Amino acid sequence: MADQDNYSDIQQEVPADADIEPDPENVYRGHKATLSNPNTSDEAKERSRRILENETGEPIDSSNNIRGVPDGGNSQEEHKDPANVARGLKASITNQNVSDEARDRAKERLKDLEG
């Protein structure tokens, strides 16, 4: 009977001597996460900020998005699909667990959305 760990010709682990480069996009994301994480030290944030500025050639602050381009501020609202927003508002209006006040706000927003 074959050893259970060796039943496949698929390599189980990456050998220690493998020359594997970290994905630059993941490294960039990690540094961006360091900048926005309130639990990281100021030294770690400053180190990540310097690395990102060297990579992008432009100043980096917490308002920059993953590509280093300044965010427009309320970008999440701008990118929402109006049809999905309307469906969510309609669901709020018909949901019995939603307060009357919230239903009224949803009706107003839906009215504004539909024009």
PDB file of N, CA and C in Angstrom:
ATOM      1  N   MET A   1       0.834  -1.174   0.000  1.00  0.00           N
ATOM      2  CA  MET A   1       0.000   0.000   0.000  1.00  0.00           C
ATOM      3  C   MET A   1       0.879   1.238   0.000  1.00  0.00           C
ATOM      4  N   ALA A   2       0.521   2.226  -0.794  1.00  0.00           N
ATOM      5  CA  ALA A   2       1.319   3.443  -0.937  1.00  0.00           C
ATOM      6  C   ALA A   2       1.154   4.335   0.285  1.00  0.00           C
ATOM      7  N   ASP A   3       2.219   5.055   0.558  1.00  0.00           N
ATOM      8  CA  ASP A   3       2.174   6.038   1.649  1.00  0.00           C
ATOM      9  C   ASP A   3       1.109   7.077   1.320  1.00  0.00           C
ATOM     10  N   GLN A   4       0.261   7.400   2.274  1.00  0.00           N
ATOM     11  CA  GLN A   4      -0.863   8.303   2.037  1.00  0.00           C
ATOM     12  C   GLN A   4      -0.413   9.693   1.587  1.00  0.00           C
ATOM     13  N   ASP A   5       0.732  10.174   2.090  1.00  0.00           N
ATOM     14  CA  ASP A   5       1.219  11.495   1.708  1.00  0.00           C
ATOM     15  C   ASP A   5       1.838  11.518   0.322  1.00  0.00           C
ATOM     16  N   ASN A   6       2.179  10.376  -0.216  1.00  0.00           N
ATOM     17  CA  ASN A   6       2.869  10.322  -1.507  1.00  0.00           C
ATOM     18  C   ASN A   6       2.006   9.686  -2.590  1.00  0.00           C
ATOM     19  N   TYR A   7       0.703   9.796  -2.494  1.00  0.00           N
ATOM     20  CA  TYR A   7      -0.165   9.149  -3.467  1.00  0.00           C
ATOM     21  C   TYR A   7      -0.302   9.932  -4.766  1.00  0.00           C
ATOM     22  N   SER A   8       0.148  11.161  -4.774  1.00  0.00           N
ATOM     23  CA  SER A   8      -0.026  12.001  -5.944  1.00  0.00           C
ATOM     24  C   SER A   8       1.328  12.485  -6.430  1.00  0.00           C
ATOM     25  N   ASP A   9       1.396  12.790  -7.724  1.00  0.00           N
ATOM     26  CA  ASP A   9       2.629  13.357  -8.247  1.00  0.00           C
ATOM     27  C   ASP A   9       2.640  14.888  -8.135  1.00  0.00           C
ATOM     28  N   ILE A  10       1.617  15.455  -7.473  1.00  0.00           N
ATOM     29  CA  ILE A  10       1.556  16.894  -7.250  1.00  0.00           C
ATOM     30  C   ILE A  10       2.437  17.237  -6.056  1.00  0.00           C
ATOM     31  N   GLN A  11       3.282  18.219  -6.255  1.00  0.00           N
ATOM     32  CA  GLN A  11       4.193  18.611  -5.193  1.00  0.00           C
ATOM     33  C   GLN A  11       3.420  19.163  -4.003  1.00  0.00           C
ATOM     34  N   GLN A  12       3.733  18.692  -2.801  1.00  0.00           N
ATOM     35  CA  GLN A  12       2.992  19.077  -1.606  1.00  0.00           C
ATOM     36  C   GLN A  12       3.468  20.391  -1.008  1.00  0.00           C
ATOM     37  N   GLU A  13       4.739  20.694  -1.087  1.00  0.00           N
ATOM     38  CA  GLU A  13       5.288  21.903  -0.504  1.00  0.00           C
ATOM     39  C   GLU A  13       6.210  22.574  -1.495  1.00  0.00           C
ATOM     40  N   VAL A  14       6.434  23.851  -1.279  1.00  0.00           N
ATOM     41  CA  VAL A  14       7.403  24.570  -2.083  1.00  0.00           C
ATOM     42  C   VAL A  14       8.768  24.326  -1.467  1.00  0.00           C
ATOM     43  N   PRO A  15       9.711  23.846  -2.252  1.00  0.00           N
ATOM     44  CA  PRO A  15      11.034  23.580  -1.683  1.00  0.00           C
ATOM     45  C   PRO A  15      11.673  24.860  -1.150  1.00  0.00           C
ATOM     46  N   ALA A  16      12.491  24.717  -0.119  1.00  0.00           N
ATOM     47  CA  ALA A  16      13.131  25.873   0.505  1.00  0.00           C
ATOM     48  C   ALA A  16      14.062  26.594  -0.454  1.00  0.00           C
ATOM     49  N   ASP A  17      14.629  25.872  -1.420  1.00  0.00           N
ATOM     50  CA  ASP A  17      15.565  26.497  -2.342  1.00  0.00           C
ATOM     51  C   ASP A  17      14.873  27.083  -3.579  1.00  0.00           C
ATOM     52  N   ALA A  18      13.557  27.066  -3.609  1.00  0.00           N
ATOM     53  CA  ALA A  18      12.824  27.613  -4.756  1.00  0.00           C
ATOM     54  C   ALA A  18      13.001  29.126  -4.808  1.00  0.00           C
ATOM     55  N   ASP A  19      13.216  29.630  -6.001  1.00  0.00           N
ATOM     56  CA  ASP A  19      13.417  31.071  -6.188  1.00  0.00           C
ATOM     57  C   ASP A  19      12.072  31.699  -6.537  1.00  0.00           C
ATOM     58  N   ILE A  20      11.313  32.060  -5.498  1.00  0.00           N
ATOM     59  CA  ILE A  20       9.977  32.601  -5.701  1.00  0.00           C
ATOM     60  C   ILE A  20       9.975  34.070  -5.301  1.00  0.00           C
ATOM     61  N   GLU A  21       9.606  34.911  -6.230  1.00  0.00           N
ATOM     62  CA  GLU A  21       9.528  36.349  -5.985  1.00  0.00           C
ATOM     63  C   GLU A  21       8.144  36.692  -5.435  1.00  0.00           C
ATOM     64  N   PRO A  22       8.056  37.603  -4.468  1.00  0.00           N
ATOM     65  CA  PRO A  22       6.736  38.035  -3.997  1.00  0.00           C
ATOM     66  C   PRO A  22       6.025  38.835  -5.090  1.00  0.00           C
ATOM     67  N   ASP A  23       4.732  38.690  -5.160  1.00  0.00           N
ATOM     68  CA  ASP A  23       3.942  39.418  -6.135  1.00  0.00           C
ATOM     69  C   ASP A  23       3.969  40.902  -5.771  1.00  0.00           C
ATOM     70  N   PRO A  24       4.445  41.769  -6.661  1.00  0.00           N
ATOM     71  CA  PRO A  24       4.562  43.194  -6.326  1.00  0.00           C
ATOM     72  C   PRO A  24       3.221  43.829  -5.961  1.00  0.00           C
ATOM     73  N   GLU A  25       2.156  43.382  -6.581  1.00  0.00           N
ATOM     74  CA  GLU A  25       0.838  43.950  -6.278  1.00  0.00           C
ATOM     75  C   GLU A  25       0.409  43.600  -4.847  1.00  0.00           C
ATOM     76  N   ASN A  26       0.711  42.378  -4.416  1.00  0.00           N
ATOM     77  CA  ASN A  26       0.384  41.980  -3.044  1.00  0.00           C
ATOM     78  C   ASN A  26       1.250  42.721  -2.031  1.00  0.00           C
ATOM     79  N   VAL A  27       2.517  42.952  -2.378  1.00  0.00           N
ATOM     80  CA  VAL A  27       3.397  43.731  -1.506  1.00  0.00           C
ATOM     81  C   VAL A  27       2.847  45.143  -1.359  1.00  0.00           C
ATOM     82  N   TYR A  28       2.419  45.723  -2.479  1.00  0.00           N
ATOM     83  CA  TYR A  28       1.846  47.073  -2.471  1.00  0.00           C
ATOM     84  C   TYR A  28       0.598  47.108  -1.582  1.00  0.00           C
ATOM     85  N   ARG A  29      -0.263  46.114  -1.732  1.00  0.00           N
ATOM     86  CA  ARG A  29      -1.480  46.044  -0.903  1.00  0.00           C
ATOM     87  C   ARG A  29      -1.135  45.937   0.577  1.00  0.00           C
ATOM     88  N   GLY A  30      -0.106  45.176   0.884  1.00  0.00           N
ATOM     89  CA  GLY A  30       0.304  45.026   2.276  1.00  0.00           C
ATOM     90  C   GLY A  30       0.756  46.343   2.880  1.00  0.00           C
ATOM     91  N   HIS A  31       1.501  47.124   2.103  1.00  0.00           N
ATOM     92  CA  HIS A  31       1.944  48.427   2.605  1.00  0.00           C
ATOM     93  C   HIS A  31       0.765  49.393   2.747  1.00  0.00           C
ATOM     94  N   LYS A  32      -0.175  49.329   1.820  1.00  0.00           N
ATOM     95  CA  LYS A  32      -1.373  50.174   1.940  1.00  0.00           C
ATOM     96  C   LYS A  32      -2.176  49.779   3.176  1.00  0.00           C
ATOM     97  N   ALA A  33      -2.256  48.494   3.448  1.00  0.00           N
ATOM     98  CA  ALA A  33      -2.971  48.030   4.627  1.00  0.00           C
ATOM     99  C   ALA A  33      -2.273  48.501   5.898  1.00  0.00           C
ATOM    100  N   THR A  34      -0.952  48.514   5.884  1.00  0.00           N
ATOM    101  CA  THR A  34      -0.201  49.002   7.040  1.00  0.00           C
ATOM    102  C   THR A  34      -0.537  50.456   7.322  1.00  0.00           C
ATOM    103  N   LEU A  35      -0.652  51.258   6.268  1.00  0.00           N
ATOM    104  CA  LEU A  35      -0.967  52.681   6.454  1.00  0.00           C
ATOM    105  C   LEU A  35      -2.351  52.891   7.046  1.00  0.00           C
ATOM    106  N   SER A  36      -3.294  52.046   6.702  1.00  0.00           N
ATOM    107  CA  SER A  36      -4.669  52.263   7.161  1.00  0.00           C
ATOM    108  C   SER A  36      -5.005  51.510   8.444  1.00  0.00           C
ATOM    109  N   ASN A  37      -4.100  50.661   8.922  1.00  0.00           N
ATOM    110  CA  ASN A  37      -4.364  49.867  10.118  1.00  0.00           C
ATOM    111  C   ASN A  37      -4.042  50.679  11.378  1.00  0.00           C
ATOM    112  N   PRO A  38      -5.031  50.927  12.232  1.00  0.00           N
ATOM    113  CA  PRO A  38      -4.762  51.728  13.432  1.00  0.00           C
ATOM    114  C   PRO A  38      -3.893  51.001  14.450  1.00  0.00           C
ATOM    115  N   ASN A  39      -3.702  49.700  14.308  1.00  0.00           N
ATOM    116  CA  ASN A  39      -2.901  48.933  15.270  1.00  0.00           C
ATOM    117  C   ASN A  39      -1.424  48.873  14.931  1.00  0.00           C
ATOM    118  N   THR A  40      -0.998  49.440  13.802  1.00  0.00           N
ATOM    119  CA  THR A  40       0.416  49.415  13.452  1.00  0.00           C
ATOM    120  C   THR A  40       1.111  50.643  14.024  1.00  0.00           C
ATOM    121  N   SER A  41       2.385  50.497  14.286  1.00  0.00           N
ATOM    122  CA  SER A  41       3.160  51.583  14.888  1.00  0.00           C
ATOM    123  C   SER A  41       3.416  52.694  13.872  1.00  0.00           C
ATOM    124  N   ASP A  42       3.749  53.855  14.389  1.00  0.00           N
ATOM    125  CA  ASP A  42       4.084  54.982  13.512  1.00  0.00           C
ATOM    126  C   ASP A  42       5.333  54.683  12.685  1.00  0.00           C
ATOM    127  N   GLU A  43       6.271  53.936  13.273  1.00  0.00           N
ATOM    128  CA  GLU A  43       7.494  53.587  12.539  1.00  0.00           C
ATOM    129  C   GLU A  43       7.161  52.688  11.346  1.00  0.00           C
ATOM    130  N   ALA A  44       6.273  51.712  11.560  1.00  0.00           N
ATOM    131  CA  ALA A  44       5.886  50.814  10.470  1.00  0.00           C
ATOM    132  C   ALA A  44       5.142  51.578   9.380  1.00  0.00           C
ATOM    133  N   LYS A  45       4.292  52.502   9.795  1.00  0.00           N
ATOM    134  CA  LYS A  45       3.566  53.305   8.808  1.00  0.00           C
ATOM    135  C   LYS A  45       4.520  54.180   8.008  1.00  0.00           C
ATOM    136  N   GLU A  46       5.482  54.774   8.679  1.00  0.00           N
ATOM    137  CA  GLU A  46       6.442  55.631   7.982  1.00  0.00           C
ATOM    138  C   GLU A  46       7.295  54.816   7.014  1.00  0.00           C
ATOM    139  N   ARG A  47       7.703  53.614   7.423  1.00  0.00           N
ATOM    140  CA  ARG A  47       8.485  52.736   6.540  1.00  0.00           C
ATOM    141  C   ARG A  47       7.660  52.370   5.301  1.00  0.00           C
ATOM    142  N   SER A  48       6.415  51.982   5.498  1.00  0.00           N
ATOM    143  CA  SER A  48       5.560  51.641   4.357  1.00  0.00           C
ATOM    144  C   SER A  48       5.315  52.839   3.464  1.00  0.00           C
ATOM    145  N   ARG A  49       5.134  54.004   4.075  1.00  0.00           N
ATOM    146  CA  ARG A  49       4.916  55.228   3.291  1.00  0.00           C
ATOM    147  C   ARG A  49       6.133  55.515   2.406  1.00  0.00           C
ATOM    148  N   ARG A  50       7.337  55.377   2.971  1.00  0.00           N
ATOM    149  CA  ARG A  50       8.562  55.621   2.188  1.00  0.00           C
ATOM    150  C   ARG A  50       8.678  54.618   1.041  1.00  0.00           C
ATOM    151  N   ILE A  51       8.398  53.348   1.318  1.00  0.00           N
ATOM    152  CA  ILE A  51       8.483  52.324   0.273  1.00  0.00           C
ATOM    153  C   ILE A  51       7.496  52.626  -0.846  1.00  0.00           C
ATOM    154  N   LEU A  52       6.269  52.979  -0.499  1.00  0.00           N
ATOM    155  CA  LEU A  52       5.251  53.266  -1.512  1.00  0.00           C
ATOM    156  C   LEU A  52       5.611  54.510  -2.309  1.00  0.00           C
ATOM    157  N   GLU A  53       6.148  55.529  -1.651  1.00  0.00           N
ATOM    158  CA  GLU A  53       6.549  56.734  -2.379  1.00  0.00           C
ATOM    159  C   GLU A  53       7.681  56.440  -3.344  1.00  0.00           C
ATOM    160  N   ASN A  54       8.609  55.550  -2.956  1.00  0.00           N
ATOM    161  CA  ASN A  54       9.695  55.169  -3.859  1.00  0.00           C
ATOM    162  C   ASN A  54       9.164  54.383  -5.051  1.00  0.00           C
ATOM    163  N   GLU A  55       8.175  53.543  -4.831  1.00  0.00           N
ATOM    164  CA  GLU A  55       7.614  52.729  -5.909  1.00  0.00           C
ATOM    165  C   GLU A  55       6.777  53.553  -6.885  1.00  0.00           C
ATOM    166  N   THR A  56       5.959  54.456  -6.359  1.00  0.00           N
ATOM    167  CA  THR A  56       5.051  55.195  -7.228  1.00  0.00           C
ATOM    168  C   THR A  56       5.608  56.526  -7.689  1.00  0.00           C
ATOM    169  N   GLY A  57       6.580  57.063  -6.955  1.00  0.00           N
ATOM    170  CA  GLY A  57       7.140  58.356  -7.319  1.00  0.00           C
ATOM    171  C   GLY A  57       6.230  59.519  -6.981  1.00  0.00           C
ATOM    172  N   GLU A  58       5.219  59.295  -6.166  1.00  0.00           N
ATOM    173  CA  GLU A  58       4.306  60.364  -5.766  1.00  0.00           C
ATOM    174  C   GLU A  58       4.001  60.238  -4.284  1.00  0.00           C
ATOM    175  N   PRO A  59       3.603  61.345  -3.649  1.00  0.00           N
ATOM    176  CA  PRO A  59       3.308  61.287  -2.211  1.00  0.00           C
ATOM    177  C   PRO A  59       2.157  60.325  -1.924  1.00  0.00           C
ATOM    178  N   ILE A  60       2.273  59.624  -0.818  1.00  0.00           N
ATOM    179  CA  ILE A  60       1.266  58.644  -0.415  1.00  0.00           C
ATOM    180  C   ILE A  60       0.675  59.081   0.911  1.00  0.00           C
ATOM    181  N   ASP A  61      -0.644  59.048   1.012  1.00  0.00           N
ATOM    182  CA  ASP A  61      -1.294  59.240   2.300  1.00  0.00           C
ATOM    183  C   ASP A  61      -2.448  58.258   2.387  1.00  0.00           C
ATOM    184  N   SER A  62      -3.168  58.276   3.494  1.00  0.00           N
ATOM    185  CA  SER A  62      -4.197  57.269   3.720  1.00  0.00           C
ATOM    186  C   SER A  62      -5.389  57.411   2.783  1.00  0.00           C
ATOM    187  N   SER A  63      -5.512  58.541   2.083  1.00  0.00           N
ATOM    188  CA  SER A  63      -6.651  58.703   1.176  1.00  0.00           C
ATOM    189  C   SER A  63      -6.390  58.114  -0.196  1.00  0.00           C
ATOM    190  N   ASN A  64      -5.158  57.694  -0.489  1.00  0.00           N
ATOM    191  CA  ASN A  64      -4.856  57.102  -1.782  1.00  0.00           C
ATOM    192  C   ASN A  64      -5.412  55.695  -1.869  1.00  0.00           C
ATOM    193  N   ASN A  65      -5.851  55.325  -3.058  1.00  0.00           N
ATOM    194  CA  ASN A  65      -6.351  53.966  -3.214  1.00  0.00           C
ATOM    195  C   ASN A  65      -5.211  53.044  -3.613  1.00  0.00           C
ATOM    196  N   ILE A  66      -5.508  51.818  -3.989  1.00  0.00           N
ATOM    197  CA  ILE A  66      -4.504  50.791  -4.214  1.00  0.00           C
ATOM    198  C   ILE A  66      -3.511  51.158  -5.313  1.00  0.00           C
ATOM    199  N   ARG A  67      -3.879  51.945  -6.267  1.00  0.00           N
ATOM    200  CA  ARG A  67      -2.977  52.321  -7.349  1.00  0.00           C
ATOM    201  C   ARG A  67      -2.210  53.607  -7.055  1.00  0.00           C
ATOM    202  N   GLY A  68      -2.434  54.219  -5.900  1.00  0.00           N
ATOM    203  CA  GLY A  68      -1.737  55.439  -5.556  1.00  0.00           C
ATOM    204  C   GLY A  68      -2.372  56.671  -6.141  1.00  0.00           C
ATOM    205  N   VAL A  69      -3.563  56.547  -6.691  1.00  0.00           N
ATOM    206  CA  VAL A  69      -4.278  57.682  -7.253  1.00  0.00           C
ATOM    207  C   VAL A  69      -5.206  58.226  -6.181  1.00  0.00           C
ATOM    208  N   PRO A  70      -5.202  59.532  -5.945  1.00  0.00           N
ATOM    209  CA  PRO A  70      -6.079  60.065  -4.902  1.00  0.00           C
ATOM    210  C   PRO A  70      -7.525  59.697  -5.149  1.00  0.00           C
ATOM    211  N   ASP A  71      -8.186  59.332  -4.093  1.00  0.00           N
ATOM    212  CA  ASP A  71      -9.590  58.936  -4.150  1.00  0.00           C
ATOM    213  C   ASP A  71     -10.467  60.176  -4.251  1.00  0.00           C
ATOM    214  N   GLY A  72     -11.572  60.079  -4.944  1.00  0.00           N
ATOM    215  CA  GLY A  72     -12.455  61.214  -5.138  1.00  0.00           C
ATOM    216  C   GLY A  72     -13.296  61.555  -3.934  1.00  0.00           C
ATOM    217  N   GLY A  73     -13.172  60.852  -2.853  1.00  0.00           N
ATOM    218  CA  GLY A  73     -13.935  61.162  -1.652  1.00  0.00           C
ATOM    219  C   GLY A  73     -15.077  60.199  -1.454  1.00  0.00           C
ATOM    220  N   ASN A  74     -16.184  60.413  -2.152  1.00  0.00           N
ATOM    221  CA  ASN A  74     -17.382  59.592  -1.979  1.00  0.00           C
ATOM    222  C   ASN A  74     -17.497  58.591  -3.123  1.00  0.00           C
ATOM    223  N   SER A  75     -16.397  57.923  -3.455  1.00  0.00           N
ATOM    224  CA  SER A  75     -16.376  57.054  -4.629  1.00  0.00           C
ATOM    225  C   SER A  75     -17.289  55.847  -4.493  1.00  0.00           C
ATOM    226  N   GLN A  76     -17.528  55.367  -3.284  1.00  0.00           N
ATOM    227  CA  GLN A  76     -18.386  54.196  -3.120  1.00  0.00           C
ATOM    228  C   GLN A  76     -19.809  54.514  -3.576  1.00  0.00           C
ATOM    229  N   GLU A  77     -20.302  55.692  -3.250  1.00  0.00           N
ATOM    230  CA  GLU A  77     -21.637  56.092  -3.694  1.00  0.00           C
ATOM    231  C   GLU A  77     -21.680  56.229  -5.206  1.00  0.00           C
ATOM    232  N   GLU A  78     -20.621  56.753  -5.802  1.00  0.00           N
ATOM    233  CA  GLU A  78     -20.604  56.988  -7.238  1.00  0.00           C
ATOM    234  C   GLU A  78     -20.629  55.693  -8.036  1.00  0.00           C
ATOM    235  N   HIS A  79     -20.095  54.608  -7.493  1.00  0.00           N
ATOM    236  CA  HIS A  79     -19.975  53.365  -8.235  1.00  0.00           C
ATOM    237  C   HIS A  79     -21.106  52.381  -7.968  1.00  0.00           C
ATOM    238  N   LYS A  80     -22.107  52.773  -7.211  1.00  0.00           N
ATOM    239  CA  LYS A  80     -23.217  51.867  -6.933  1.00  0.00           C
ATOM    240  C   LYS A  80     -24.148  51.796  -8.137  1.00  0.00           C
ATOM    241  N   ASP A  81     -24.623  50.600  -8.415  1.00  0.00           N
ATOM    242  CA  ASP A  81     -25.560  50.394  -9.512  1.00  0.00           C
ATOM    243  C   ASP A  81     -26.938  50.899  -9.070  1.00  0.00           C
ATOM    244  N   PRO A  82     -27.508  51.864  -9.782  1.00  0.00           N
ATOM    245  CA  PRO A  82     -28.804  52.415  -9.382  1.00  0.00           C
ATOM    246  C   PRO A  82     -29.906  51.364  -9.285  1.00  0.00           C
ATOM    247  N   ALA A  83     -29.858  50.350 -10.129  1.00  0.00           N
ATOM    248  CA  ALA A  83     -30.874  49.298 -10.071  1.00  0.00           C
ATOM    249  C   ALA A  83     -30.761  48.512  -8.763  1.00  0.00           C
ATOM    250  N   ASN A  84     -29.522  48.260  -8.318  1.00  0.00           N
ATOM    251  CA  ASN A  84     -29.337  47.554  -7.044  1.00  0.00           C
ATOM    252  C   ASN A  84     -29.780  48.419  -5.872  1.00  0.00           C
ATOM    253  N   VAL A  85     -29.496  49.707  -5.949  1.00  0.00           N
ATOM    254  CA  VAL A  85     -29.926  50.623  -4.886  1.00  0.00           C
ATOM    255  C   VAL A  85     -31.450  50.636  -4.807  1.00  0.00           C
ATOM    256  N   ALA A  86     -32.112  50.707  -5.964  1.00  0.00           N
ATOM    257  CA  ALA A  86     -33.574  50.710  -5.990  1.00  0.00           C
ATOM    258  C   ALA A  86     -34.134  49.417  -5.401  1.00  0.00           C
ATOM    259  N   ARG A  87     -33.519  48.280  -5.739  1.00  0.00           N
ATOM    260  CA  ARG A  87     -33.975  47.002  -5.182  1.00  0.00           C
ATOM    261  C   ARG A  87     -33.818  46.974  -3.669  1.00  0.00           C
ATOM    262  N   GLY A  88     -32.711  47.502  -3.170  1.00  0.00           N
ATOM    263  CA  GLY A  88     -32.494  47.541  -1.729  1.00  0.00           C
ATOM    264  C   GLY A  88     -33.498  48.434  -1.024  1.00  0.00           C
ATOM    265  N   LEU A  89     -33.812  49.570  -1.642  1.00  0.00           N
ATOM    266  CA  LEU A  89     -34.803  50.472  -1.050  1.00  0.00           C
ATOM    267  C   LEU A  89     -36.188  49.833  -1.040  1.00  0.00           C
ATOM    268  N   LYS A  90     -36.538  49.159  -2.126  1.00  0.00           N
ATOM    269  CA  LYS A  90     -37.830  48.469  -2.182  1.00  0.00           C
ATOM    270  C   LYS A  90     -37.913  47.374  -1.130  1.00  0.00           C
ATOM    271  N   ALA A  91     -36.783  46.675  -0.920  1.00  0.00           N
ATOM    272  CA  ALA A  91     -36.758  45.632   0.106  1.00  0.00           C
ATOM    273  C   ALA A  91     -36.943  46.246   1.485  1.00  0.00           C
ATOM    274  N   SER A  92     -36.346  47.403   1.719  1.00  0.00           N
ATOM    275  CA  SER A  92     -36.507  48.077   3.010  1.00  0.00           C
ATOM    276  C   SER A  92     -37.947  48.505   3.234  1.00  0.00           C
ATOM    277  N   ILE A  93     -38.598  48.949   2.184  1.00  0.00           N
ATOM    278  CA  ILE A  93     -39.977  49.408   2.301  1.00  0.00           C
ATOM    279  C   ILE A  93     -40.912  48.255   2.658  1.00  0.00           C
ATOM    280  N   THR A  94     -40.662  47.077   2.107  1.00  0.00           N
ATOM    281  CA  THR A  94     -41.565  45.938   2.338  1.00  0.00           C
ATOM    282  C   THR A  94     -41.181  45.092   3.546  1.00  0.00           C
ATOM    283  N   ASN A  95     -39.993  45.313   4.118  1.00  0.00           N
ATOM    284  CA  ASN A  95     -39.531  44.521   5.257  1.00  0.00           C
ATOM    285  C   ASN A  95     -40.254  44.953   6.527  1.00  0.00           C
ATOM    286  N   GLN A  96     -40.914  44.018   7.174  1.00  0.00           N
ATOM    287  CA  GLN A  96     -41.680  44.309   8.390  1.00  0.00           C
ATOM    288  C   GLN A  96     -40.786  44.654   9.583  1.00  0.00           C
ATOM    289  N   ASN A  97     -39.503  44.285   9.527  1.00  0.00           N
ATOM    290  CA  ASN A  97     -38.579  44.552  10.623  1.00  0.00           C
ATOM    291  C   ASN A  97     -37.945  45.940  10.549  1.00  0.00           C
ATOM    292  N   VAL A  98     -38.270  46.693   9.516  1.00  0.00           N
ATOM    293  CA  VAL A  98     -37.713  48.036   9.346  1.00  0.00           C
ATOM    294  C   VAL A  98     -38.679  49.035   9.979  1.00  0.00           C
ATOM    295  N   SER A  99     -38.116  50.023  10.673  1.00  0.00           N
ATOM    296  CA  SER A  99     -38.964  51.013  11.357  1.00  0.00           C
ATOM    297  C   SER A  99     -39.726  51.869  10.345  1.00  0.00           C
ATOM    298  N   ASP A 100     -40.803  52.480  10.811  1.00  0.00           N
ATOM    299  CA  ASP A 100     -41.595  53.354   9.944  1.00  0.00           C
ATOM    300  C   ASP A 100     -40.771  54.529   9.441  1.00  0.00           C
ATOM    301  N   GLU A 101     -39.927  55.053  10.308  1.00  0.00           N
ATOM    302  CA  GLU A 101     -39.072  56.179   9.920  1.00  0.00           C
ATOM    303  C   GLU A 101     -38.115  55.784   8.794  1.00  0.00           C
ATOM    304  N   ALA A 102     -37.511  54.599   8.916  1.00  0.00           N
ATOM    305  CA  ALA A 102     -36.598  54.117   7.883  1.00  0.00           C
ATOM    306  C   ALA A 102     -37.343  53.825   6.583  1.00  0.00           C
ATOM    307  N   ARG A 103     -38.555  53.310   6.696  1.00  0.00           N
ATOM    308  CA  ARG A 103     -39.363  53.081   5.484  1.00  0.00           C
ATOM    309  C   ARG A 103     -39.662  54.387   4.774  1.00  0.00           C
ATOM    310  N   ASP A 104     -40.009  55.422   5.548  1.00  0.00           N
ATOM    311  CA  ASP A 104     -40.291  56.725   4.941  1.00  0.00           C
ATOM    312  C   ASP A 104     -39.060  57.282   4.228  1.00  0.00           C
ATOM    313  N   ARG A 105     -37.876  57.140   4.865  1.00  0.00           N
ATOM    314  CA  ARG A 105     -36.639  57.601   4.224  1.00  0.00           C
ATOM    315  C   ARG A 105     -36.371  56.808   2.952  1.00  0.00           C
ATOM    316  N   ALA A 106     -36.605  55.503   2.991  1.00  0.00           N
ATOM    317  CA  ALA A 106     -36.391  54.670   1.814  1.00  0.00           C
ATOM    318  C   ALA A 106     -37.347  55.066   0.687  1.00  0.00           C
ATOM    319  N   LYS A 107     -38.589  55.375   1.041  1.00  0.00           N
ATOM    320  CA  LYS A 107     -39.554  55.815   0.020  1.00  0.00           C
ATOM    321  C   LYS A 107     -39.105  57.112  -0.628  1.00  0.00           C
ATOM    322  N   GLU A 108     -38.599  58.039   0.186  1.00  0.00           N
ATOM    323  CA  GLU A 108     -38.125  59.324  -0.353  1.00  0.00           C
ATOM    324  C   GLU A 108     -36.915  59.130  -1.262  1.00  0.00           C
ATOM    325  N   ARG A 109     -35.972  58.312  -0.816  1.00  0.00           N
ATOM    326  CA  ARG A 109     -34.778  58.067  -1.634  1.00  0.00           C
ATOM    327  C   ARG A 109     -35.144  57.377  -2.936  1.00  0.00           C
ATOM    328  N   LEU A 110     -36.103  56.437  -2.878  1.00  0.00           N
ATOM    329  CA  LEU A 110     -36.528  55.729  -4.083  1.00  0.00           C
ATOM    330  C   LEU A 110     -37.224  56.708  -5.039  1.00  0.00           C
ATOM    331  N   LYS A 111     -38.022  57.592  -4.472  1.00  0.00           N
ATOM    332  CA  LYS A 111     -38.707  58.601  -5.287  1.00  0.00           C
ATOM    333  C   LYS A 111     -37.689  59.506  -5.987  1.00  0.00           C
ATOM    334  N   ASP A 112     -36.647  59.930  -5.239  1.00  0.00           N
ATOM    335  CA  ASP A 112     -35.592  60.757  -5.819  1.00  0.00           C
ATOM    336  C   ASP A 112     -34.810  60.002  -6.878  1.00  0.00           C
ATOM    337  N   LEU A 113     -34.556  58.739  -6.613  1.00  0.00           N
ATOM    338  CA  LEU A 113     -33.776  57.921  -7.545  1.00  0.00           C
ATOM    339  C   LEU A 113     -34.503  57.692  -8.860  1.00  0.00           C
ATOM    340  N   GLU A 114     -35.804  57.465  -8.755  1.00  0.00           N
ATOM    341  CA  GLU A 114     -36.592  57.201  -9.975  1.00  0.00           C
ATOM    342  C   GLU A 114     -36.930  58.496 -10.704  1.00  0.00           C
ATOM    343  N   GLY A 115     -36.730  59.611 -10.041  1.00  0.00           N
ATOM    344  CA  GLY A 115     -36.890  60.917 -10.667  1.00  0.00           C
ATOM    345  C   GLY A 115     -38.255  61.308 -10.900  1.00  0.00           C
TER     346      GLY A 115
END
